[in-house]
Amino acid sequence: MKSKTKFLWMYTIILFSVALILIMFAGMTQQNYERELATHETAKVGLQKSAAELSQTNLLLKEENADLKAENEELKEAQANFEEISKNNDLNIALIEALYQYESGNRRTAKNMLAEVDADTLTDQQLNIYNKIMK
């Protein structure tokens, strides 16, 4: 009987030791799981905040893009006006130079200077000078 009792005690000690080891392992695993879960929650909150910031930045950039497009259109119109004024200025300079040649007695030179000018596009004042030279 003694050997059966000794075997029973050994079996009980081994069984409780294995159970104790399993309980400790489960406790350590639970702690690691909780830390990992907290880390994932922190990352989740960070990603949500980052997504909100990206959305806000996207809206701001869209507004800025719309403003820049409007400004670009305004600048294109201003450039077109400037080019029109520049052409008109060049025409005025040509008329003044031709008038100077006309008044200096170089009428043929003055007419040649205005040979390529389209009379239909001239203003009233420019047309008066043009007609004076071309008659």
N, C-alpha and C. Protein backbone atom coordinates (compact mmCIF):
# COMPACT_ATOMS: atom_id res chain seq x y z
N MET A 1 0.78 -1.18 0.00
CA MET A 1 0.00 0.00 0.00
C MET A 1 0.83 1.26 0.00
N LYS A 2 1.96 1.09 0.59
CA LYS A 2 2.82 2.24 0.66
C LYS A 2 3.20 2.74 -0.73
N SER A 3 3.48 1.87 -1.64
CA SER A 3 3.89 2.29 -2.95
C SER A 3 2.72 2.93 -3.71
N LYS A 4 1.49 2.43 -3.46
CA LYS A 4 0.33 3.05 -4.10
C LYS A 4 0.10 4.44 -3.55
N THR A 5 0.30 4.64 -2.25
CA THR A 5 0.12 5.95 -1.63
C THR A 5 1.19 6.90 -2.15
N LYS A 6 2.40 6.41 -2.23
CA LYS A 6 3.50 7.23 -2.72
C LYS A 6 3.23 7.63 -4.19
N PHE A 7 2.76 6.69 -4.99
CA PHE A 7 2.43 6.97 -6.39
C PHE A 7 1.30 7.97 -6.48
N LEU A 8 0.30 7.85 -5.63
CA LEU A 8 -0.84 8.76 -5.62
C LEU A 8 -0.40 10.18 -5.27
N TRP A 9 0.51 10.29 -4.26
CA TRP A 9 1.02 11.61 -3.86
C TRP A 9 1.85 12.23 -5.01
N MET A 10 2.65 11.44 -5.65
CA MET A 10 3.46 11.94 -6.76
C MET A 10 2.54 12.40 -7.92
N TYR A 11 1.53 11.59 -8.21
CA TYR A 11 0.59 11.92 -9.26
C TYR A 11 -0.14 13.21 -8.92
N THR A 12 -0.54 13.40 -7.67
CA THR A 12 -1.26 14.60 -7.23
C THR A 12 -0.34 15.82 -7.34
N ILE A 13 0.91 15.69 -6.90
CA ILE A 13 1.86 16.81 -6.93
C ILE A 13 2.13 17.21 -8.40
N ILE A 14 2.34 16.22 -9.23
CA ILE A 14 2.60 16.52 -10.64
C ILE A 14 1.37 17.19 -11.27
N LEU A 15 0.19 16.66 -10.97
CA LEU A 15 -1.04 17.21 -11.52
C LEU A 15 -1.25 18.66 -11.07
N PHE A 16 -1.07 18.93 -9.79
CA PHE A 16 -1.23 20.31 -9.29
C PHE A 16 -0.13 21.23 -9.83
N SER A 17 1.08 20.70 -10.00
CA SER A 17 2.17 21.52 -10.55
C SER A 17 1.85 21.93 -11.99
N VAL A 18 1.38 20.94 -12.78
CA VAL A 18 1.03 21.25 -14.16
C VAL A 18 -0.13 22.25 -14.19
N ALA A 19 -1.13 22.07 -13.32
CA ALA A 19 -2.26 22.99 -13.26
C ALA A 19 -1.78 24.39 -12.87
N LEU A 20 -0.87 24.47 -11.90
CA LEU A 20 -0.33 25.77 -11.47
C LEU A 20 0.44 26.44 -12.60
N ILE A 21 1.23 25.66 -13.33
CA ILE A 21 1.98 26.21 -14.47
C ILE A 21 1.02 26.72 -15.54
N LEU A 22 -0.04 25.97 -15.82
CA LEU A 22 -1.02 26.40 -16.81
C LEU A 22 -1.74 27.67 -16.37
N ILE A 23 -2.06 27.77 -15.08
CA ILE A 23 -2.72 28.98 -14.57
C ILE A 23 -1.79 30.18 -14.69
N MET A 24 -0.51 30.01 -14.38
CA MET A 24 0.46 31.11 -14.49
C MET A 24 0.63 31.52 -15.96
N PHE A 25 0.71 30.53 -16.85
CA PHE A 25 0.84 30.81 -18.27
C PHE A 25 -0.38 31.57 -18.79
N ALA A 26 -1.57 31.18 -18.35
CA ALA A 26 -2.79 31.87 -18.77
C ALA A 26 -2.80 33.31 -18.26
N GLY A 27 -2.34 33.52 -17.03
CA GLY A 27 -2.28 34.88 -16.48
C GLY A 27 -1.32 35.76 -17.25
N MET A 28 -0.15 35.22 -17.60
CA MET A 28 0.82 36.02 -18.35
C MET A 28 0.30 36.30 -19.76
N THR A 29 -0.35 35.34 -20.35
CA THR A 29 -0.92 35.54 -21.68
C THR A 29 -2.00 36.61 -21.64
N GLN A 30 -2.81 36.59 -20.58
CA GLN A 30 -3.87 37.60 -20.45
C GLN A 30 -3.27 39.00 -20.33
N GLN A 31 -2.19 39.16 -19.58
CA GLN A 31 -1.54 40.47 -19.43
C GLN A 31 -0.99 40.95 -20.78
N ASN A 32 -0.34 40.04 -21.51
CA ASN A 32 0.18 40.40 -22.83
C ASN A 32 -0.97 40.80 -23.76
N TYR A 33 -2.07 40.07 -23.70
CA TYR A 33 -3.22 40.37 -24.55
C TYR A 33 -3.79 41.75 -24.21
N GLU A 34 -3.88 42.06 -22.92
CA GLU A 34 -4.41 43.38 -22.52
C GLU A 34 -3.49 44.50 -22.98
N ARG A 35 -2.17 44.30 -22.87
CA ARG A 35 -1.22 45.32 -23.35
C ARG A 35 -1.33 45.49 -24.86
N GLU A 36 -1.44 44.38 -25.57
CA GLU A 36 -1.58 44.45 -27.02
C GLU A 36 -2.89 45.12 -27.43
N LEU A 37 -3.95 44.81 -26.71
CA LEU A 37 -5.24 45.43 -26.98
C LEU A 37 -5.18 46.93 -26.74
N ALA A 38 -4.51 47.35 -25.65
CA ALA A 38 -4.35 48.78 -25.37
C ALA A 38 -3.54 49.46 -26.47
N THR A 39 -2.51 48.78 -26.95
CA THR A 39 -1.69 49.32 -28.03
C THR A 39 -2.53 49.50 -29.30
N HIS A 40 -3.35 48.50 -29.60
CA HIS A 40 -4.21 48.59 -30.79
C HIS A 40 -5.26 49.69 -30.64
N GLU A 41 -5.78 49.86 -29.44
CA GLU A 41 -6.75 50.94 -29.21
C GLU A 41 -6.09 52.30 -29.41
N THR A 42 -4.86 52.44 -28.91
CA THR A 42 -4.13 53.70 -29.09
C THR A 42 -3.88 53.95 -30.58
N ALA A 43 -3.47 52.91 -31.28
CA ALA A 43 -3.23 53.05 -32.72
C ALA A 43 -4.53 53.39 -33.44
N LYS A 44 -5.64 52.79 -33.03
CA LYS A 44 -6.93 53.05 -33.65
C LYS A 44 -7.33 54.50 -33.48
N VAL A 45 -7.16 55.02 -32.26
CA VAL A 45 -7.49 56.42 -31.98
C VAL A 45 -6.59 57.34 -32.81
N GLY A 46 -5.30 56.98 -32.89
CA GLY A 46 -4.36 57.77 -33.69
C GLY A 46 -4.74 57.78 -35.16
N LEU A 47 -5.15 56.63 -35.68
CA LEU A 47 -5.56 56.55 -37.08
C LEU A 47 -6.83 57.35 -37.34
N GLN A 48 -7.77 57.29 -36.39
CA GLN A 48 -9.00 58.07 -36.55
C GLN A 48 -8.69 59.56 -36.55
N LYS A 49 -7.81 59.98 -35.63
CA LYS A 49 -7.41 61.39 -35.58
C LYS A 49 -6.69 61.79 -36.86
N SER A 50 -5.82 60.91 -37.33
CA SER A 50 -5.08 61.18 -38.56
C SER A 50 -6.03 61.28 -39.75
N ALA A 51 -7.01 60.40 -39.80
CA ALA A 51 -7.99 60.45 -40.90
C ALA A 51 -8.78 61.74 -40.86
N ALA A 52 -9.15 62.19 -39.66
CA ALA A 52 -9.88 63.45 -39.54
C ALA A 52 -9.01 64.63 -39.99
N GLU A 53 -7.74 64.60 -39.60
CA GLU A 53 -6.83 65.67 -40.02
C GLU A 53 -6.64 65.67 -41.53
N LEU A 54 -6.51 64.48 -42.12
CA LEU A 54 -6.36 64.39 -43.57
C LEU A 54 -7.60 64.90 -44.28
N SER A 55 -8.75 64.59 -43.74
CA SER A 55 -10.00 65.06 -44.34
C SER A 55 -10.07 66.59 -44.28
N GLN A 56 -9.71 67.15 -43.14
CA GLN A 56 -9.71 68.61 -42.98
C GLN A 56 -8.70 69.25 -43.94
N THR A 57 -7.52 68.67 -44.02
CA THR A 57 -6.49 69.19 -44.93
C THR A 57 -6.96 69.10 -46.37
N ASN A 58 -7.62 68.00 -46.71
CA ASN A 58 -8.15 67.83 -48.06
C ASN A 58 -9.16 68.93 -48.39
N LEU A 59 -10.05 69.23 -47.45
CA LEU A 59 -11.03 70.30 -47.67
C LEU A 59 -10.34 71.65 -47.87
N LEU A 60 -9.34 71.93 -47.04
CA LEU A 60 -8.61 73.20 -47.17
C LEU A 60 -7.90 73.29 -48.52
N LEU A 61 -7.30 72.18 -48.94
CA LEU A 61 -6.60 72.19 -50.23
C LEU A 61 -7.58 72.35 -51.39
N LYS A 62 -8.76 71.75 -51.28
CA LYS A 62 -9.76 71.93 -52.33
C LYS A 62 -10.20 73.39 -52.41
N GLU A 63 -10.40 74.03 -51.26
CA GLU A 63 -10.77 75.45 -51.26
C GLU A 63 -9.65 76.29 -51.86
N GLU A 64 -8.43 76.00 -51.46
CA GLU A 64 -7.28 76.76 -51.99
C GLU A 64 -7.16 76.55 -53.50
N ASN A 65 -7.39 75.32 -53.96
CA ASN A 65 -7.34 75.02 -55.39
C ASN A 65 -8.41 75.82 -56.14
N ALA A 66 -9.62 75.88 -55.58
CA ALA A 66 -10.69 76.64 -56.24
C ALA A 66 -10.32 78.13 -56.29
N ASP A 67 -9.76 78.64 -55.20
CA ASP A 67 -9.34 80.05 -55.17
C ASP A 67 -8.26 80.31 -56.22
N LEU A 68 -7.31 79.41 -56.32
CA LEU A 68 -6.22 79.58 -57.28
C LEU A 68 -6.73 79.48 -58.72
N LYS A 69 -7.71 78.61 -58.95
CA LYS A 69 -8.29 78.53 -60.29
C LYS A 69 -9.00 79.83 -60.65
N ALA A 70 -9.74 80.40 -59.68
CA ALA A 70 -10.43 81.67 -59.93
C ALA A 70 -9.41 82.78 -60.20
N GLU A 71 -8.35 82.79 -59.40
CA GLU A 71 -7.30 83.80 -59.60
C GLU A 71 -6.63 83.61 -60.96
N ASN A 72 -6.44 82.37 -61.35
CA ASN A 72 -5.84 82.08 -62.66
C ASN A 72 -6.71 82.62 -63.78
N GLU A 73 -8.02 82.43 -63.67
CA GLU A 73 -8.94 82.95 -64.69
C GLU A 73 -8.89 84.48 -64.74
N GLU A 74 -8.84 85.10 -63.57
CA GLU A 74 -8.74 86.57 -63.52
C GLU A 74 -7.46 87.05 -64.18
N LEU A 75 -6.37 86.33 -63.90
CA LEU A 75 -5.09 86.72 -64.50
C LEU A 75 -5.09 86.52 -66.01
N LYS A 76 -5.76 85.46 -66.47
CA LYS A 76 -5.86 85.26 -67.93
C LYS A 76 -6.63 86.40 -68.57
N GLU A 77 -7.72 86.83 -67.93
CA GLU A 77 -8.49 87.96 -68.47
C GLU A 77 -7.66 89.23 -68.46
N ALA A 78 -6.93 89.44 -67.36
CA ALA A 78 -6.08 90.62 -67.27
C ALA A 78 -4.99 90.58 -68.34
N GLN A 79 -4.44 89.41 -68.59
CA GLN A 79 -3.41 89.28 -69.62
C GLN A 79 -3.99 89.57 -70.99
N ALA A 80 -5.20 89.08 -71.25
CA ALA A 80 -5.84 89.35 -72.54
C ALA A 80 -6.07 90.85 -72.71
N ASN A 81 -6.53 91.52 -71.63
CA ASN A 81 -6.72 92.97 -71.68
C ASN A 81 -5.40 93.69 -71.91
N PHE A 82 -4.37 93.22 -71.23
CA PHE A 82 -3.05 93.83 -71.39
C PHE A 82 -2.54 93.67 -72.81
N GLU A 83 -2.75 92.48 -73.39
CA GLU A 83 -2.31 92.26 -74.76
C GLU A 83 -3.07 93.17 -75.72
N GLU A 84 -4.37 93.36 -75.47
CA GLU A 84 -5.16 94.25 -76.31
C GLU A 84 -4.66 95.69 -76.20
N ILE A 85 -4.37 96.10 -74.97
CA ILE A 85 -3.85 97.45 -74.75
C ILE A 85 -2.48 97.59 -75.41
N SER A 86 -1.66 96.55 -75.31
CA SER A 86 -0.33 96.59 -75.91
C SER A 86 -0.42 96.72 -77.43
N LYS A 87 -1.35 95.95 -78.05
CA LYS A 87 -1.53 96.06 -79.50
C LYS A 87 -2.00 97.46 -79.87
N ASN A 88 -2.94 97.98 -79.09
CA ASN A 88 -3.45 99.33 -79.34
C ASN A 88 -2.33 100.35 -79.18
N ASN A 89 -1.47 100.15 -78.19
CA ASN A 89 -0.35 101.05 -77.97
C ASN A 89 0.63 100.99 -79.14
N ASP A 90 0.90 99.78 -79.63
CA ASP A 90 1.78 99.64 -80.78
C ASP A 90 1.19 100.34 -82.00
N LEU A 91 -0.12 100.21 -82.16
CA LEU A 91 -0.80 100.88 -83.27
C LEU A 91 -0.70 102.40 -83.13
N ASN A 92 -0.88 102.90 -81.89
CA ASN A 92 -0.75 104.34 -81.65
C ASN A 92 0.66 104.82 -81.98
N ILE A 93 1.65 104.06 -81.60
CA ILE A 93 3.04 104.44 -81.90
C ILE A 93 3.26 104.48 -83.41
N ALA A 94 2.72 103.47 -84.12
CA ALA A 94 2.86 103.45 -85.58
C ALA A 94 2.16 104.66 -86.20
N LEU A 95 0.98 104.99 -85.71
CA LEU A 95 0.26 106.16 -86.23
C LEU A 95 1.02 107.45 -85.95
N ILE A 96 1.59 107.57 -84.76
CA ILE A 96 2.35 108.77 -84.42
C ILE A 96 3.58 108.90 -85.31
N GLU A 97 4.28 107.79 -85.50
CA GLU A 97 5.47 107.82 -86.36
C GLU A 97 5.09 108.16 -87.80
N ALA A 98 3.99 107.58 -88.28
CA ALA A 98 3.53 107.87 -89.64
C ALA A 98 3.10 109.33 -89.76
N LEU A 99 2.41 109.85 -88.74
CA LEU A 99 2.00 111.25 -88.75
C LEU A 99 3.22 112.16 -88.75
N TYR A 100 4.23 111.79 -87.98
CA TYR A 100 5.47 112.58 -87.96
C TYR A 100 6.11 112.59 -89.35
N GLN A 101 6.16 111.43 -90.00
CA GLN A 101 6.71 111.36 -91.36
C GLN A 101 5.85 112.18 -92.33
N TYR A 102 4.55 112.12 -92.16
CA TYR A 102 3.62 112.87 -93.02
C TYR A 102 3.84 114.36 -92.87
N GLU A 103 3.95 114.80 -91.62
CA GLU A 103 4.14 116.23 -91.35
C GLU A 103 5.53 116.69 -91.79
N SER A 104 6.48 115.77 -91.81
CA SER A 104 7.84 116.12 -92.25
C SER A 104 7.94 116.16 -93.77
N GLY A 105 6.90 115.78 -94.47
CA GLY A 105 6.92 115.83 -95.92
C GLY A 105 7.16 114.47 -96.55
N ASN A 106 7.37 113.44 -95.78
CA ASN A 106 7.61 112.09 -96.31
C ASN A 106 6.27 111.33 -96.37
N ARG A 107 5.41 111.77 -97.26
CA ARG A 107 4.06 111.22 -97.32
C ARG A 107 4.04 109.77 -97.82
N ARG A 108 4.87 109.47 -98.75
CA ARG A 108 4.92 108.10 -99.26
C ARG A 108 5.40 107.14 -98.16
N THR A 109 6.40 107.53 -97.40
CA THR A 109 6.89 106.71 -96.29
C THR A 109 5.79 106.52 -95.25
N ALA A 110 5.06 107.58 -94.97
CA ALA A 110 3.97 107.51 -93.99
C ALA A 110 2.89 106.54 -94.46
N LYS A 111 2.55 106.58 -95.77
CA LYS A 111 1.53 105.66 -96.30
C LYS A 111 2.03 104.22 -96.26
N ASN A 112 3.29 104.02 -96.55
CA ASN A 112 3.87 102.67 -96.49
C ASN A 112 3.86 102.12 -95.07
N MET A 113 4.07 103.00 -94.10
CA MET A 113 4.07 102.56 -92.69
C MET A 113 2.68 102.08 -92.26
N LEU A 114 1.64 102.65 -92.86
CA LEU A 114 0.28 102.29 -92.47
C LEU A 114 -0.39 101.34 -93.46
N ALA A 115 0.36 100.78 -94.39
CA ALA A 115 -0.22 99.93 -95.42
C ALA A 115 -0.86 98.66 -94.83
N GLU A 116 -0.34 98.14 -93.75
CA GLU A 116 -0.85 96.88 -93.19
C GLU A 116 -1.88 97.10 -92.09
N VAL A 117 -2.23 98.35 -91.80
CA VAL A 117 -3.19 98.65 -90.74
C VAL A 117 -4.60 98.45 -91.26
N ASP A 118 -5.43 97.75 -90.48
CA ASP A 118 -6.83 97.52 -90.84
C ASP A 118 -7.65 98.69 -90.31
N ALA A 119 -8.21 99.47 -91.20
CA ALA A 119 -8.94 100.68 -90.83
C ALA A 119 -10.22 100.36 -90.04
N ASP A 120 -10.76 99.16 -90.20
CA ASP A 120 -12.01 98.79 -89.51
C ASP A 120 -11.82 98.62 -88.01
N THR A 121 -10.60 98.39 -87.57
CA THR A 121 -10.35 98.16 -86.15
C THR A 121 -9.94 99.42 -85.40
N LEU A 122 -9.83 100.54 -86.08
CA LEU A 122 -9.35 101.77 -85.46
C LEU A 122 -10.46 102.50 -84.72
N THR A 123 -10.05 103.23 -83.69
CA THR A 123 -10.99 104.11 -83.00
C THR A 123 -11.19 105.36 -83.83
N ASP A 124 -12.10 106.22 -83.42
CA ASP A 124 -12.39 107.44 -84.20
C ASP A 124 -11.16 108.33 -84.33
N GLN A 125 -10.44 108.52 -83.23
CA GLN A 125 -9.25 109.37 -83.28
C GLN A 125 -8.17 108.76 -84.16
N GLN A 126 -7.98 107.44 -84.03
CA GLN A 126 -6.98 106.77 -84.86
C GLN A 126 -7.39 106.81 -86.33
N LEU A 127 -8.69 106.68 -86.59
CA LEU A 127 -9.19 106.70 -87.96
C LEU A 127 -8.98 108.07 -88.60
N ASN A 128 -9.15 109.14 -87.82
CA ASN A 128 -8.91 110.50 -88.34
C ASN A 128 -7.46 110.66 -88.79
N ILE A 129 -6.53 110.18 -87.96
CA ILE A 129 -5.11 110.27 -88.32
C ILE A 129 -4.83 109.40 -89.55
N TYR A 130 -5.39 108.21 -89.57
CA TYR A 130 -5.18 107.29 -90.68
C TYR A 130 -5.70 107.89 -91.99
N ASN A 131 -6.93 108.46 -91.95
CA ASN A 131 -7.50 109.06 -93.15
C ASN A 131 -6.70 110.26 -93.63
N LYS A 132 -6.19 111.04 -92.68
CA LYS A 132 -5.39 112.21 -93.03
C LYS A 132 -4.15 111.78 -93.81
N ILE A 133 -3.50 110.71 -93.35
CA ILE A 133 -2.28 110.25 -94.00
C ILE A 133 -2.56 109.55 -95.32
N MET A 134 -3.61 108.75 -95.37
CA MET A 134 -3.87 107.90 -96.53
C MET A 134 -4.56 108.62 -97.70
N LYS A 135 -5.07 109.85 -97.52
CA LYS A 135 -5.79 110.51 -98.63
C LYS A 135 -4.87 111.08 -99.66
